[in-house]
Amino acid sequence: MQPIAPAQPEVSATTSKVEQLRLERYKKYHPPTFSRLATDDAQGFLEECHRILRTMGVTEMSEVSFTTFQLRGAAYQWWRAYELSSPDEPVSLTWTQFSNMFLIEYVPQSLRDSRHVEFE
């Protein structure tokens, strides 16, 4: 007799039905994923996710939640480590806090500096 695999908990067990419906709608826009591969564009990933979420009128706290849902592989492990080590609930991060933390982790300082100069 094969052992029965435990049921997987729902990803959004603590979210409301409205948030679950928004997440389904968000996924229909085919947001990018990010896995920390060398070919992944961290800045582009954030910008595209943010553009979709703003268009949908999603709240700032949900922006972080929906964007982290798109993380894969090593990037997801980085986020999971943050969640486990954070004394505050990770969902309390603002978009600005999350995006700054993400860019520091995944965009080299030299590239951030050059984009800053380009912006000026």
PDB file of N, CA and C in Angstrom:
ATOM      1  N   MET A   1       0.846  -1.179   0.000  1.00  0.00           N
ATOM      2  CA  MET A   1       0.000   0.000   0.000  1.00  0.00           C
ATOM      3  C   MET A   1       0.893   1.246   0.000  1.00  0.00           C
ATOM      4  N   GLN A   2       0.618   2.156  -0.921  1.00  0.00           N
ATOM      5  CA  GLN A   2       1.421   3.372  -1.015  1.00  0.00           C
ATOM      6  C   GLN A   2       0.983   4.363   0.051  1.00  0.00           C
ATOM      7  N   PRO A   3       1.970   5.063   0.644  1.00  0.00           N
ATOM      8  CA  PRO A   3       1.586   6.084   1.632  1.00  0.00           C
ATOM      9  C   PRO A   3       0.817   7.212   0.952  1.00  0.00           C
ATOM     10  N   ILE A   4      -0.103   7.755   1.668  1.00  0.00           N
ATOM     11  CA  ILE A   4      -0.902   8.864   1.159  1.00  0.00           C
ATOM     12  C   ILE A   4      -0.158  10.154   1.429  1.00  0.00           C
ATOM     13  N   ALA A   5       0.019  10.919   0.376  1.00  0.00           N
ATOM     14  CA  ALA A   5       0.714  12.201   0.511  1.00  0.00           C
ATOM     15  C   ALA A   5      -0.174  13.166   1.275  1.00  0.00           C
ATOM     16  N   PRO A   6       0.425  13.937   2.185  1.00  0.00           N
ATOM     17  CA  PRO A   6      -0.390  14.917   2.919  1.00  0.00           C
ATOM     18  C   PRO A   6      -0.940  15.968   1.964  1.00  0.00           C
ATOM     19  N   ALA A   7      -2.088  16.441   2.281  1.00  0.00           N
ATOM     20  CA  ALA A   7      -2.712  17.487   1.460  1.00  0.00           C
ATOM     21  C   ALA A   7      -1.864  18.743   1.521  1.00  0.00           C
ATOM     22  N   GLN A   8      -1.706  19.387   0.389  1.00  0.00           N
ATOM     23  CA  GLN A   8      -0.944  20.633   0.336  1.00  0.00           C
ATOM     24  C   GLN A   8      -1.811  21.758   0.880  1.00  0.00           C
ATOM     25  N   PRO A   9      -1.270  22.574   1.776  1.00  0.00           N
ATOM     26  CA  PRO A   9      -2.065  23.703   2.271  1.00  0.00           C
ATOM     27  C   PRO A   9      -2.289  24.705   1.153  1.00  0.00           C
ATOM     28  N   GLU A  10      -3.397  25.398   1.213  1.00  0.00           N
ATOM     29  CA  GLU A  10      -3.680  26.424   0.217  1.00  0.00           C
ATOM     30  C   GLU A  10      -2.680  27.552   0.360  1.00  0.00           C
ATOM     31  N   VAL A  11      -2.200  28.049  -0.776  1.00  0.00           N
ATOM     32  CA  VAL A  11      -1.229  29.140  -0.772  1.00  0.00           C
ATOM     33  C   VAL A  11      -1.835  30.371  -0.125  1.00  0.00           C
ATOM     34  N   SER A  12      -3.092  30.602  -0.388  1.00  0.00           N
ATOM     35  CA  SER A  12      -3.723  31.827   0.085  1.00  0.00           C
ATOM     36  C   SER A  12      -4.734  31.557   1.198  1.00  0.00           C
ATOM     37  N   ALA A  13      -4.397  30.668   2.120  1.00  0.00           N
ATOM     38  CA  ALA A  13      -5.332  30.296   3.172  1.00  0.00           C
ATOM     39  C   ALA A  13      -5.754  31.484   4.040  1.00  0.00           C
ATOM     40  N   THR A  14      -4.882  32.465   4.168  1.00  0.00           N
ATOM     41  CA  THR A  14      -5.213  33.605   5.016  1.00  0.00           C
ATOM     42  C   THR A  14      -5.762  34.788   4.232  1.00  0.00           C
ATOM     43  N   THR A  15      -5.879  34.641   2.931  1.00  0.00           N
ATOM     44  CA  THR A  15      -6.384  35.747   2.135  1.00  0.00           C
ATOM     45  C   THR A  15      -7.891  35.620   1.955  1.00  0.00           C
ATOM     46  N   SER A  16      -8.504  36.725   1.686  1.00  0.00           N
ATOM     47  CA  SER A  16      -9.941  36.739   1.488  1.00  0.00           C
ATOM     48  C   SER A  16     -10.287  36.223   0.095  1.00  0.00           C
ATOM     49  N   LYS A  17     -11.543  35.920  -0.093  1.00  0.00           N
ATOM     50  CA  LYS A  17     -12.021  35.484  -1.416  1.00  0.00           C
ATOM     51  C   LYS A  17     -11.756  36.575  -2.457  1.00  0.00           C
ATOM     52  N   VAL A  18     -11.921  37.829  -2.071  1.00  0.00           N
ATOM     53  CA  VAL A  18     -11.677  38.940  -2.993  1.00  0.00           C
ATOM     54  C   VAL A  18     -10.215  38.931  -3.448  1.00  0.00           C
ATOM     55  N   GLU A  19      -9.290  38.733  -2.518  1.00  0.00           N
ATOM     56  CA  GLU A  19      -7.871  38.687  -2.874  1.00  0.00           C
ATOM     57  C   GLU A  19      -7.564  37.483  -3.755  1.00  0.00           C
ATOM     58  N   GLN A  20      -8.205  36.367  -3.488  1.00  0.00           N
ATOM     59  CA  GLN A  20      -7.998  35.184  -4.323  1.00  0.00           C
ATOM     60  C   GLN A  20      -8.466  35.447  -5.751  1.00  0.00           C
ATOM     61  N   LEU A  21      -9.603  36.126  -5.892  1.00  0.00           N
ATOM     62  CA  LEU A  21     -10.106  36.470  -7.224  1.00  0.00           C
ATOM     63  C   LEU A  21      -9.170  37.452  -7.926  1.00  0.00           C
ATOM     64  N   ARG A  22      -8.624  38.401  -7.172  1.00  0.00           N
ATOM     65  CA  ARG A  22      -7.661  39.344  -7.755  1.00  0.00           C
ATOM     66  C   ARG A  22      -6.408  38.622  -8.222  1.00  0.00           C
ATOM     67  N   LEU A  23      -5.958  37.659  -7.443  1.00  0.00           N
ATOM     68  CA  LEU A  23      -4.774  36.886  -7.825  1.00  0.00           C
ATOM     69  C   LEU A  23      -5.041  36.116  -9.115  1.00  0.00           C
ATOM     70  N   GLU A  24      -6.205  35.528  -9.233  1.00  0.00           N
ATOM     71  CA  GLU A  24      -6.560  34.820 -10.465  1.00  0.00           C
ATOM     72  C   GLU A  24      -6.565  35.782 -11.654  1.00  0.00           C
ATOM     73  N   ARG A  25      -7.122  36.971 -11.441  1.00  0.00           N
ATOM     74  CA  ARG A  25      -7.152  37.983 -12.507  1.00  0.00           C
ATOM     75  C   ARG A  25      -5.728  38.417 -12.874  1.00  0.00           C
ATOM     76  N   TYR A  26      -4.895  38.611 -11.868  1.00  0.00           N
ATOM     77  CA  TYR A  26      -3.496  38.990 -12.064  1.00  0.00           C
ATOM     78  C   TYR A  26      -2.777  37.952 -12.919  1.00  0.00           C
ATOM     79  N   LYS A  27      -2.986  36.688 -12.626  1.00  0.00           N
ATOM     80  CA  LYS A  27      -2.321  35.620 -13.368  1.00  0.00           C
ATOM     81  C   LYS A  27      -2.752  35.606 -14.832  1.00  0.00           C
ATOM     82  N   LYS A  28      -3.952  36.095 -15.134  1.00  0.00           N
ATOM     83  CA  LYS A  28      -4.424  36.149 -16.527  1.00  0.00           C
ATOM     84  C   LYS A  28      -3.628  37.159 -17.357  1.00  0.00           C
ATOM     85  N   TYR A  29      -2.971  38.104 -16.705  1.00  0.00           N
ATOM     86  CA  TYR A  29      -2.115  39.072 -17.405  1.00  0.00           C
ATOM     87  C   TYR A  29      -0.743  38.484 -17.740  1.00  0.00           C
ATOM     88  N   HIS A  30      -0.503  37.258 -17.305  1.00  0.00           N
ATOM     89  CA  HIS A  30       0.769  36.563 -17.527  1.00  0.00           C
ATOM     90  C   HIS A  30       1.955  37.371 -17.000  1.00  0.00           C
ATOM     91  N   PRO A  31       1.933  37.686 -15.690  1.00  0.00           N
ATOM     92  CA  PRO A  31       3.060  38.436 -15.133  1.00  0.00           C
ATOM     93  C   PRO A  31       4.349  37.613 -15.246  1.00  0.00           C
ATOM     94  N   PRO A  32       5.469  38.288 -15.331  1.00  0.00           N
ATOM     95  CA  PRO A  32       6.734  37.562 -15.452  1.00  0.00           C
ATOM     96  C   PRO A  32       7.058  36.818 -14.160  1.00  0.00           C
ATOM     97  N   THR A  33       7.946  35.862 -14.282  1.00  0.00           N
ATOM     98  CA  THR A  33       8.483  35.204 -13.090  1.00  0.00           C
ATOM     99  C   THR A  33       9.944  35.610 -12.967  1.00  0.00           C
ATOM    100  N   PHE A  34      10.479  35.409 -11.789  1.00  0.00           N
ATOM    101  CA  PHE A  34      11.880  35.742 -11.546  1.00  0.00           C
ATOM    102  C   PHE A  34      12.482  34.626 -10.722  1.00  0.00           C
ATOM    103  N   SER A  35      13.623  34.096 -11.195  1.00  0.00           N
ATOM    104  CA  SER A  35      14.238  32.976 -10.493  1.00  0.00           C
ATOM    105  C   SER A  35      15.694  33.200 -10.110  1.00  0.00           C
ATOM    106  N   ARG A  36      16.223  34.369 -10.407  1.00  0.00           N
ATOM    107  CA  ARG A  36      17.606  34.733 -10.092  1.00  0.00           C
ATOM    108  C   ARG A  36      18.616  34.202 -11.099  1.00  0.00           C
ATOM    109  N   LEU A  37      18.148  33.714 -12.224  1.00  0.00           N
ATOM    110  CA  LEU A  37      19.074  33.269 -13.262  1.00  0.00           C
ATOM    111  C   LEU A  37      19.768  34.486 -13.856  1.00  0.00           C
ATOM    112  N   ALA A  38      20.915  34.261 -14.437  1.00  0.00           N
ATOM    113  CA  ALA A  38      21.675  35.367 -15.023  1.00  0.00           C
ATOM    114  C   ALA A  38      20.899  36.072 -16.124  1.00  0.00           C
ATOM    115  N   THR A  39      20.010  35.342 -16.791  1.00  0.00           N
ATOM    116  CA  THR A  39      19.234  35.941 -17.884  1.00  0.00           C
ATOM    117  C   THR A  39      18.032  36.731 -17.382  1.00  0.00           C
ATOM    118  N   ASP A  40      17.691  36.586 -16.118  1.00  0.00           N
ATOM    119  CA  ASP A  40      16.548  37.308 -15.558  1.00  0.00           C
ATOM    120  C   ASP A  40      16.881  38.787 -15.376  1.00  0.00           C
ATOM    121  N   ASP A  41      15.938  39.630 -15.695  1.00  0.00           N
ATOM    122  CA  ASP A  41      16.072  41.075 -15.546  1.00  0.00           C
ATOM    123  C   ASP A  41      15.286  41.497 -14.301  1.00  0.00           C
ATOM    124  N   ALA A  42      15.975  41.706 -13.194  1.00  0.00           N
ATOM    125  CA  ALA A  42      15.321  42.024 -11.927  1.00  0.00           C
ATOM    126  C   ALA A  42      14.534  43.325 -12.015  1.00  0.00           C
ATOM    127  N   GLN A  43      15.128  44.340 -12.587  1.00  0.00           N
ATOM    128  CA  GLN A  43      14.462  45.640 -12.709  1.00  0.00           C
ATOM    129  C   GLN A  43      13.219  45.506 -13.583  1.00  0.00           C
ATOM    130  N   GLY A  44      13.359  44.830 -14.715  1.00  0.00           N
ATOM    131  CA  GLY A  44      12.238  44.624 -15.622  1.00  0.00           C
ATOM    132  C   GLY A  44      11.125  43.820 -14.985  1.00  0.00           C
ATOM    133  N   PHE A  45      11.497  42.809 -14.200  1.00  0.00           N
ATOM    134  CA  PHE A  45      10.515  41.996 -13.489  1.00  0.00           C
ATOM    135  C   PHE A  45       9.663  42.869 -12.567  1.00  0.00           C
ATOM    136  N   LEU A  46      10.331  43.682 -11.755  1.00  0.00           N
ATOM    137  CA  LEU A  46       9.598  44.558 -10.826  1.00  0.00           C
ATOM    138  C   LEU A  46       8.707  45.544 -11.565  1.00  0.00           C
ATOM    139  N   GLU A  47       9.251  46.165 -12.594  1.00  0.00           N
ATOM    140  CA  GLU A  47       8.483  47.165 -13.336  1.00  0.00           C
ATOM    141  C   GLU A  47       7.240  46.564 -13.987  1.00  0.00           C
ATOM    142  N   GLU A  48       7.385  45.382 -14.585  1.00  0.00           N
ATOM    143  CA  GLU A  48       6.243  44.750 -15.252  1.00  0.00           C
ATOM    144  C   GLU A  48       5.180  44.319 -14.245  1.00  0.00           C
ATOM    145  N   CYS A  49       5.600  43.710 -13.146  1.00  0.00           N
ATOM    146  CA  CYS A  49       4.636  43.316 -12.105  1.00  0.00           C
ATOM    147  C   CYS A  49       3.917  44.545 -11.567  1.00  0.00           C
ATOM    148  N   HIS A  50       4.661  45.590 -11.292  1.00  0.00           N
ATOM    149  CA  HIS A  50       4.068  46.809 -10.734  1.00  0.00           C
ATOM    150  C   HIS A  50       3.096  47.458 -11.721  1.00  0.00           C
ATOM    151  N   ARG A  51       3.450  47.469 -12.993  1.00  0.00           N
ATOM    152  CA  ARG A  51       2.578  48.041 -14.021  1.00  0.00           C
ATOM    153  C   ARG A  51       1.244  47.298 -14.075  1.00  0.00           C
ATOM    154  N   ILE A  52       1.297  45.975 -14.061  1.00  0.00           N
ATOM    155  CA  ILE A  52       0.062  45.179 -14.094  1.00  0.00           C
ATOM    156  C   ILE A  52      -0.773  45.446 -12.851  1.00  0.00           C
ATOM    157  N   LEU A  53      -0.133  45.448 -11.707  1.00  0.00           N
ATOM    158  CA  LEU A  53      -0.862  45.619 -10.444  1.00  0.00           C
ATOM    159  C   LEU A  53      -1.471  47.011 -10.314  1.00  0.00           C
ATOM    160  N   ARG A  54      -0.750  48.035 -10.749  1.00  0.00           N
ATOM    161  CA  ARG A  54      -1.323  49.396 -10.723  1.00  0.00           C
ATOM    162  C   ARG A  54      -2.520  49.491 -11.655  1.00  0.00           C
ATOM    163  N   THR A  55      -2.405  48.884 -12.831  1.00  0.00           N
ATOM    164  CA  THR A  55      -3.507  48.890 -13.787  1.00  0.00           C
ATOM    165  C   THR A  55      -4.742  48.220 -13.191  1.00  0.00           C
ATOM    166  N   MET A  56      -4.521  47.179 -12.418  1.00  0.00           N
ATOM    167  CA  MET A  56      -5.631  46.453 -11.796  1.00  0.00           C
ATOM    168  C   MET A  56      -6.191  47.185 -10.582  1.00  0.00           C
ATOM    169  N   GLY A  57      -5.469  48.179 -10.075  1.00  0.00           N
ATOM    170  CA  GLY A  57      -5.914  48.890  -8.880  1.00  0.00           C
ATOM    171  C   GLY A  57      -5.693  48.100  -7.601  1.00  0.00           C
ATOM    172  N   VAL A  58      -4.670  47.249  -7.594  1.00  0.00           N
ATOM    173  CA  VAL A  58      -4.368  46.417  -6.433  1.00  0.00           C
ATOM    174  C   VAL A  58      -3.692  47.262  -5.364  1.00  0.00           C
ATOM    175  N   THR A  59      -4.038  47.019  -4.101  1.00  0.00           N
ATOM    176  CA  THR A  59      -3.478  47.793  -2.990  1.00  0.00           C
ATOM    177  C   THR A  59      -1.996  47.503  -2.816  1.00  0.00           C
ATOM    178  N   GLU A  60      -1.322  48.414  -2.156  1.00  0.00           N
ATOM    179  CA  GLU A  60       0.135  48.317  -1.997  1.00  0.00           C
ATOM    180  C   GLU A  60       0.560  47.027  -1.304  1.00  0.00           C
ATOM    181  N   MET A  61      -0.122  46.627  -0.254  1.00  0.00           N
ATOM    182  CA  MET A  61       0.267  45.405   0.455  1.00  0.00           C
ATOM    183  C   MET A  61       0.085  44.176  -0.435  1.00  0.00           C
ATOM    184  N   SER A  62      -0.968  44.165  -1.241  1.00  0.00           N
ATOM    185  CA  SER A  62      -1.190  43.039  -2.142  1.00  0.00           C
ATOM    186  C   SER A  62      -0.177  43.038  -3.278  1.00  0.00           C
ATOM    187  N   GLU A  63       0.337  44.214  -3.652  1.00  0.00           N
ATOM    188  CA  GLU A  63       1.365  44.278  -4.688  1.00  0.00           C
ATOM    189  C   GLU A  63       2.559  43.418  -4.299  1.00  0.00           C
ATOM    190  N   VAL A  64       2.971  43.515  -3.048  1.00  0.00           N
ATOM    191  CA  VAL A  64       4.110  42.730  -2.561  1.00  0.00           C
ATOM    192  C   VAL A  64       3.753  41.250  -2.590  1.00  0.00           C
ATOM    193  N   SER A  65       2.594  40.910  -2.092  1.00  0.00           N
ATOM    194  CA  SER A  65       2.165  39.521  -2.036  1.00  0.00           C
ATOM    195  C   SER A  65       2.063  38.907  -3.426  1.00  0.00           C
ATOM    196  N   PHE A  66       1.445  39.618  -4.354  1.00  0.00           N
ATOM    197  CA  PHE A  66       1.280  39.093  -5.705  1.00  0.00           C
ATOM    198  C   PHE A  66       2.622  38.984  -6.425  1.00  0.00           C
ATOM    199  N   THR A  67       3.508  39.938  -6.206  1.00  0.00           N
ATOM    200  CA  THR A  67       4.817  39.907  -6.857  1.00  0.00           C
ATOM    201  C   THR A  67       5.659  38.753  -6.317  1.00  0.00           C
ATOM    202  N   THR A  68       5.654  38.553  -5.012  1.00  0.00           N
ATOM    203  CA  THR A  68       6.442  37.446  -4.452  1.00  0.00           C
ATOM    204  C   THR A  68       5.879  36.097  -4.873  1.00  0.00           C
ATOM    205  N   PHE A  69       4.610  36.051  -5.238  1.00  0.00           N
ATOM    206  CA  PHE A  69       4.005  34.820  -5.765  1.00  0.00           C
ATOM    207  C   PHE A  69       4.676  34.415  -7.074  1.00  0.00           C
ATOM    208  N   GLN A  70       5.285  35.366  -7.762  1.00  0.00           N
ATOM    209  CA  GLN A  70       5.925  35.116  -9.053  1.00  0.00           C
ATOM    210  C   GLN A  70       7.399  34.737  -8.925  1.00  0.00           C
ATOM    211  N   LEU A  71       7.921  34.691  -7.711  1.00  0.00           N
ATOM    212  CA  LEU A  71       9.316  34.302  -7.515  1.00  0.00           C
ATOM    213  C   LEU A  71       9.452  32.787  -7.628  1.00  0.00           C
ATOM    214  N   ARG A  72      10.549  32.347  -8.208  1.00  0.00           N
ATOM    215  CA  ARG A  72      10.818  30.929  -8.408  1.00  0.00           C
ATOM    216  C   ARG A  72      12.237  30.610  -7.949  1.00  0.00           C
ATOM    217  N   GLY A  73      12.485  29.345  -7.683  1.00  0.00           N
ATOM    218  CA  GLY A  73      13.824  28.855  -7.386  1.00  0.00           C
ATOM    219  C   GLY A  73      14.536  29.614  -6.280  1.00  0.00           C
ATOM    220  N   ALA A  74      15.767  30.026  -6.574  1.00  0.00           N
ATOM    221  CA  ALA A  74      16.595  30.709  -5.581  1.00  0.00           C
ATOM    222  C   ALA A  74      15.970  32.020  -5.116  1.00  0.00           C
ATOM    223  N   ALA A  75      15.270  32.705  -6.009  1.00  0.00           N
ATOM    224  CA  ALA A  75      14.623  33.966  -5.616  1.00  0.00           C
ATOM    225  C   ALA A  75      13.514  33.700  -4.599  1.00  0.00           C
ATOM    226  N   TYR A  76      12.766  32.619  -4.807  1.00  0.00           N
ATOM    227  CA  TYR A  76      11.730  32.267  -3.831  1.00  0.00           C
ATOM    228  C   TYR A  76      12.374  31.886  -2.498  1.00  0.00           C
ATOM    229  N   GLN A  77      13.482  31.170  -2.552  1.00  0.00           N
ATOM    230  CA  GLN A  77      14.175  30.796  -1.304  1.00  0.00           C
ATOM    231  C   GLN A  77      14.666  32.030  -0.551  1.00  0.00           C
ATOM    232  N   TRP A  78      15.147  33.030  -1.287  1.00  0.00           N
ATOM    233  CA  TRP A  78      15.561  34.299  -0.664  1.00  0.00           C
ATOM    234  C   TRP A  78      14.365  34.927   0.053  1.00  0.00           C
ATOM    235  N   TRP A  79      13.220  34.963  -0.619  1.00  0.00           N
ATOM    236  CA  TRP A  79      12.030  35.566  -0.020  1.00  0.00           C
ATOM    237  C   TRP A  79      11.561  34.748   1.179  1.00  0.00           C
ATOM    238  N   ARG A  80      11.583  33.451   1.065  1.00  0.00           N
ATOM    239  CA  ARG A  80      11.147  32.570   2.163  1.00  0.00           C
ATOM    240  C   ARG A  80      12.055  32.762   3.378  1.00  0.00           C
ATOM    241  N   ALA A  81      13.342  32.896   3.158  1.00  0.00           N
ATOM    242  CA  ALA A  81      14.276  33.140   4.267  1.00  0.00           C
ATOM    243  C   ALA A  81      13.942  34.468   4.944  1.00  0.00           C
ATOM    244  N   TYR A  82      13.604  35.477   4.148  1.00  0.00           N
ATOM    245  CA  TYR A  82      13.204  36.765   4.723  1.00  0.00           C
ATOM    246  C   TYR A  82      11.941  36.595   5.572  1.00  0.00           C
ATOM    247  N   GLU A  83      10.945  35.903   5.031  1.00  0.00           N
ATOM    248  CA  GLU A  83       9.700  35.688   5.769  1.00  0.00           C
ATOM    249  C   GLU A  83       9.951  35.002   7.111  1.00  0.00           C
ATOM    250  N   LEU A  84      10.796  33.984   7.095  1.00  0.00           N
ATOM    251  CA  LEU A  84      11.056  33.222   8.307  1.00  0.00           C
ATOM    252  C   LEU A  84      11.868  34.000   9.337  1.00  0.00           C
ATOM    253  N   SER A  85      12.710  34.926   8.866  1.00  0.00           N
ATOM    254  CA  SER A  85      13.566  35.675   9.785  1.00  0.00           C
ATOM    255  C   SER A  85      12.981  37.012  10.214  1.00  0.00           C
ATOM    256  N   SER A  86      11.924  37.429   9.553  1.00  0.00           N
ATOM    257  CA  SER A  86      11.361  38.746   9.823  1.00  0.00           C
ATOM    258  C   SER A  86      10.505  38.743  11.085  1.00  0.00           C
ATOM    259  N   PRO A  87      10.787  39.671  12.008  1.00  0.00           N
ATOM    260  CA  PRO A  87       9.961  39.759  13.211  1.00  0.00           C
ATOM    261  C   PRO A  87       8.562  40.301  12.898  1.00  0.00           C
ATOM    262  N   ASP A  88       8.462  41.100  11.844  1.00  0.00           N
ATOM    263  CA  ASP A  88       7.168  41.627  11.418  1.00  0.00           C
ATOM    264  C   ASP A  88       6.598  40.704  10.357  1.00  0.00           C
ATOM    265  N   GLU A  89       5.314  40.814  10.149  1.00  0.00           N
ATOM    266  CA  GLU A  89       4.730  40.044   9.059  1.00  0.00           C
ATOM    267  C   GLU A  89       5.236  40.616   7.742  1.00  0.00           C
ATOM    268  N   PRO A  90       5.716  39.758   6.829  1.00  0.00           N
ATOM    269  CA  PRO A  90       6.226  40.244   5.548  1.00  0.00           C
ATOM    270  C   PRO A  90       5.189  41.019   4.744  1.00  0.00           C
ATOM    271  N   VAL A  91       3.923  40.691   4.912  1.00  0.00           N
ATOM    272  CA  VAL A  91       2.900  41.397   4.144  1.00  0.00           C
ATOM    273  C   VAL A  91       2.791  42.851   4.565  1.00  0.00           C
ATOM    274  N   SER A  92       3.453  43.223   5.662  1.00  0.00           N
ATOM    275  CA  SER A  92       3.400  44.615   6.094  1.00  0.00           C
ATOM    276  C   SER A  92       4.399  45.492   5.342  1.00  0.00           C
ATOM    277  N   LEU A  93       5.208  44.894   4.473  1.00  0.00           N
ATOM    278  CA  LEU A  93       6.143  45.680   3.677  1.00  0.00           C
ATOM    279  C   LEU A  93       5.384  46.514   2.657  1.00  0.00           C
ATOM    280  N   THR A  94       5.805  47.751   2.491  1.00  0.00           N
ATOM    281  CA  THR A  94       5.245  48.570   1.418  1.00  0.00           C
ATOM    282  C   THR A  94       5.919  48.167   0.115  1.00  0.00           C
ATOM    283  N   TRP A  95       5.354  48.610  -1.005  1.00  0.00           N
ATOM    284  CA  TRP A  95       5.965  48.315  -2.303  1.00  0.00           C
ATOM    285  C   TRP A  95       7.369  48.904  -2.372  1.00  0.00           C
ATOM    286  N   THR A  96       7.538  50.111  -1.877  1.00  0.00           N
ATOM    287  CA  THR A  96       8.843  50.778  -1.912  1.00  0.00           C
ATOM    288  C   THR A  96       9.866  49.988  -1.099  1.00  0.00           C
ATOM    289  N   GLN A  97       9.489  49.549   0.090  1.00  0.00           N
ATOM    290  CA  GLN A  97      10.404  48.771   0.922  1.00  0.00           C
ATOM    291  C   GLN A  97      10.794  47.471   0.230  1.00  0.00           C
ATOM    292  N   PHE A  98       9.790  46.764  -0.286  1.00  0.00           N
ATOM    293  CA  PHE A  98      10.067  45.496  -0.961  1.00  0.00           C
ATOM    294  C   PHE A  98      10.944  45.702  -2.192  1.00  0.00           C
ATOM    295  N   SER A  99      10.586  46.669  -3.042  1.00  0.00           N
ATOM    296  CA  SER A  99      11.344  46.847  -4.280  1.00  0.00           C
ATOM    297  C   SER A  99      12.782  47.273  -3.983  1.00  0.00           C
ATOM    298  N   ASN A 100      12.993  48.108  -2.980  1.00  0.00           N
ATOM    299  CA  ASN A 100      14.361  48.481  -2.599  1.00  0.00           C
ATOM    300  C   ASN A 100      15.145  47.262  -2.137  1.00  0.00           C
ATOM    301  N   MET A 101      14.535  46.453  -1.291  1.00  0.00           N
ATOM    302  CA  MET A 101      15.177  45.243  -0.781  1.00  0.00           C
ATOM    303  C   MET A 101      15.489  44.276  -1.934  1.00  0.00           C
ATOM    304  N   PHE A 102      14.563  44.126  -2.848  1.00  0.00           N
ATOM    305  CA  PHE A 102      14.725  43.234  -4.001  1.00  0.00           C
ATOM    306  C   PHE A 102      15.857  43.722  -4.909  1.00  0.00           C
ATOM    307  N   LEU A 103      15.868  45.013  -5.206  1.00  0.00           N
ATOM    308  CA  LEU A 103      16.896  45.556  -6.094  1.00  0.00           C
ATOM    309  C   LEU A 103      18.287  45.468  -5.474  1.00  0.00           C
ATOM    310  N   ILE A 104      18.384  45.704  -4.184  1.00  0.00           N
ATOM    311  CA  ILE A 104      19.682  45.575  -3.505  1.00  0.00           C
ATOM    312  C   ILE A 104      20.187  44.143  -3.619  1.00  0.00           C
ATOM    313  N   GLU A 105      19.278  43.190  -3.524  1.00  0.00           N
ATOM    314  CA  GLU A 105      19.654  41.778  -3.602  1.00  0.00           C
ATOM    315  C   GLU A 105      20.023  41.340  -5.027  1.00  0.00           C
ATOM    316  N   TYR A 106      19.315  41.840  -6.031  1.00  0.00           N
ATOM    317  CA  TYR A 106      19.434  41.283  -7.380  1.00  0.00           C
ATOM    318  C   TYR A 106      19.999  42.195  -8.463  1.00  0.00           C
ATOM    319  N   VAL A 107      20.209  43.450  -8.165  1.00  0.00           N
ATOM    320  CA  VAL A 107      20.792  44.344  -9.168  1.00  0.00           C
ATOM    321  C   VAL A 107      22.116  44.865  -8.611  1.00  0.00           C
ATOM    322  N   PRO A 108      23.222  44.605  -9.310  1.00  0.00           N
ATOM    323  CA  PRO A 108      24.525  45.053  -8.815  1.00  0.00           C
ATOM    324  C   PRO A 108      24.550  46.575  -8.602  1.00  0.00           C
ATOM    325  N   GLN A 109      25.299  47.007  -7.605  1.00  0.00           N
ATOM    326  CA  GLN A 109      25.397  48.427  -7.274  1.00  0.00           C
ATOM    327  C   GLN A 109      25.838  49.246  -8.477  1.00  0.00           C
ATOM    328  N   SER A 110      26.776  48.732  -9.263  1.00  0.00           N
ATOM    329  CA  SER A 110      27.266  49.473 -10.431  1.00  0.00           C
ATOM    330  C   SER A 110      26.134  49.729 -11.430  1.00  0.00           C
ATOM    331  N   LEU A 111      25.262  48.769 -11.628  1.00  0.00           N
ATOM    332  CA  LEU A 111      24.139  48.953 -12.550  1.00  0.00           C
ATOM    333  C   LEU A 111      23.123  49.941 -11.976  1.00  0.00           C
ATOM    334  N   ARG A 112      22.879  49.845 -10.668  1.00  0.00           N
ATOM    335  CA  ARG A 112      21.965  50.805 -10.032  1.00  0.00           C
ATOM    336  C   ARG A 112      22.513  52.218 -10.137  1.00  0.00           C
ATOM    337  N   ASP A 113      23.833  52.374  -9.937  1.00  0.00           N
ATOM    338  CA  ASP A 113      24.458  53.693 -10.055  1.00  0.00           C
ATOM    339  C   ASP A 113      24.327  54.241 -11.468  1.00  0.00           C
ATOM    340  N   SER A 114      24.574  53.394 -12.470  1.00  0.00           N
ATOM    341  CA  SER A 114      24.504  53.864 -13.854  1.00  0.00           C
ATOM    342  C   SER A 114      23.068  54.239 -14.216  1.00  0.00           C
ATOM    343  N   ARG A 115      22.101  53.513 -13.714  1.00  0.00           N
ATOM    344  CA  ARG A 115      20.704  53.870 -13.991  1.00  0.00           C
ATOM    345  C   ARG A 115      20.305  55.160 -13.264  1.00  0.00           C
ATOM    346  N   HIS A 116      20.887  55.374 -12.099  1.00  0.00           N
ATOM    347  CA  HIS A 116      20.620  56.608 -11.353  1.00  0.00           C
ATOM    348  C   HIS A 116      21.158  57.809 -12.123  1.00  0.00           C
ATOM    349  N   VAL A 117      22.378  57.676 -12.641  1.00  0.00           N
ATOM    350  CA  VAL A 117      22.986  58.745 -13.431  1.00  0.00           C
ATOM    351  C   VAL A 117      22.172  58.960 -14.701  1.00  0.00           C
ATOM    352  N   GLU A 118      21.757  57.867 -15.338  1.00  0.00           N
ATOM    353  CA  GLU A 118      20.948  57.967 -16.559  1.00  0.00           C
ATOM    354  C   GLU A 118      19.629  58.689 -16.277  1.00  0.00           C
ATOM    355  N   PHE A 119      19.040  58.443 -15.126  1.00  0.00           N
ATOM    356  CA  PHE A 119      17.778  59.078 -14.755  1.00  0.00           C
ATOM    357  C   PHE A 119      17.969  60.582 -14.576  1.00  0.00           C
ATOM    358  N   GLU A 120      19.088  60.975 -13.965  1.00  0.00           N
ATOM    359  CA  GLU A 120      19.353  62.390 -13.725  1.00  0.00           C
ATOM    360  C   GLU A 120      19.613  63.083 -15.038  1.00  0.00           C
TER     361      GLU A 120
END
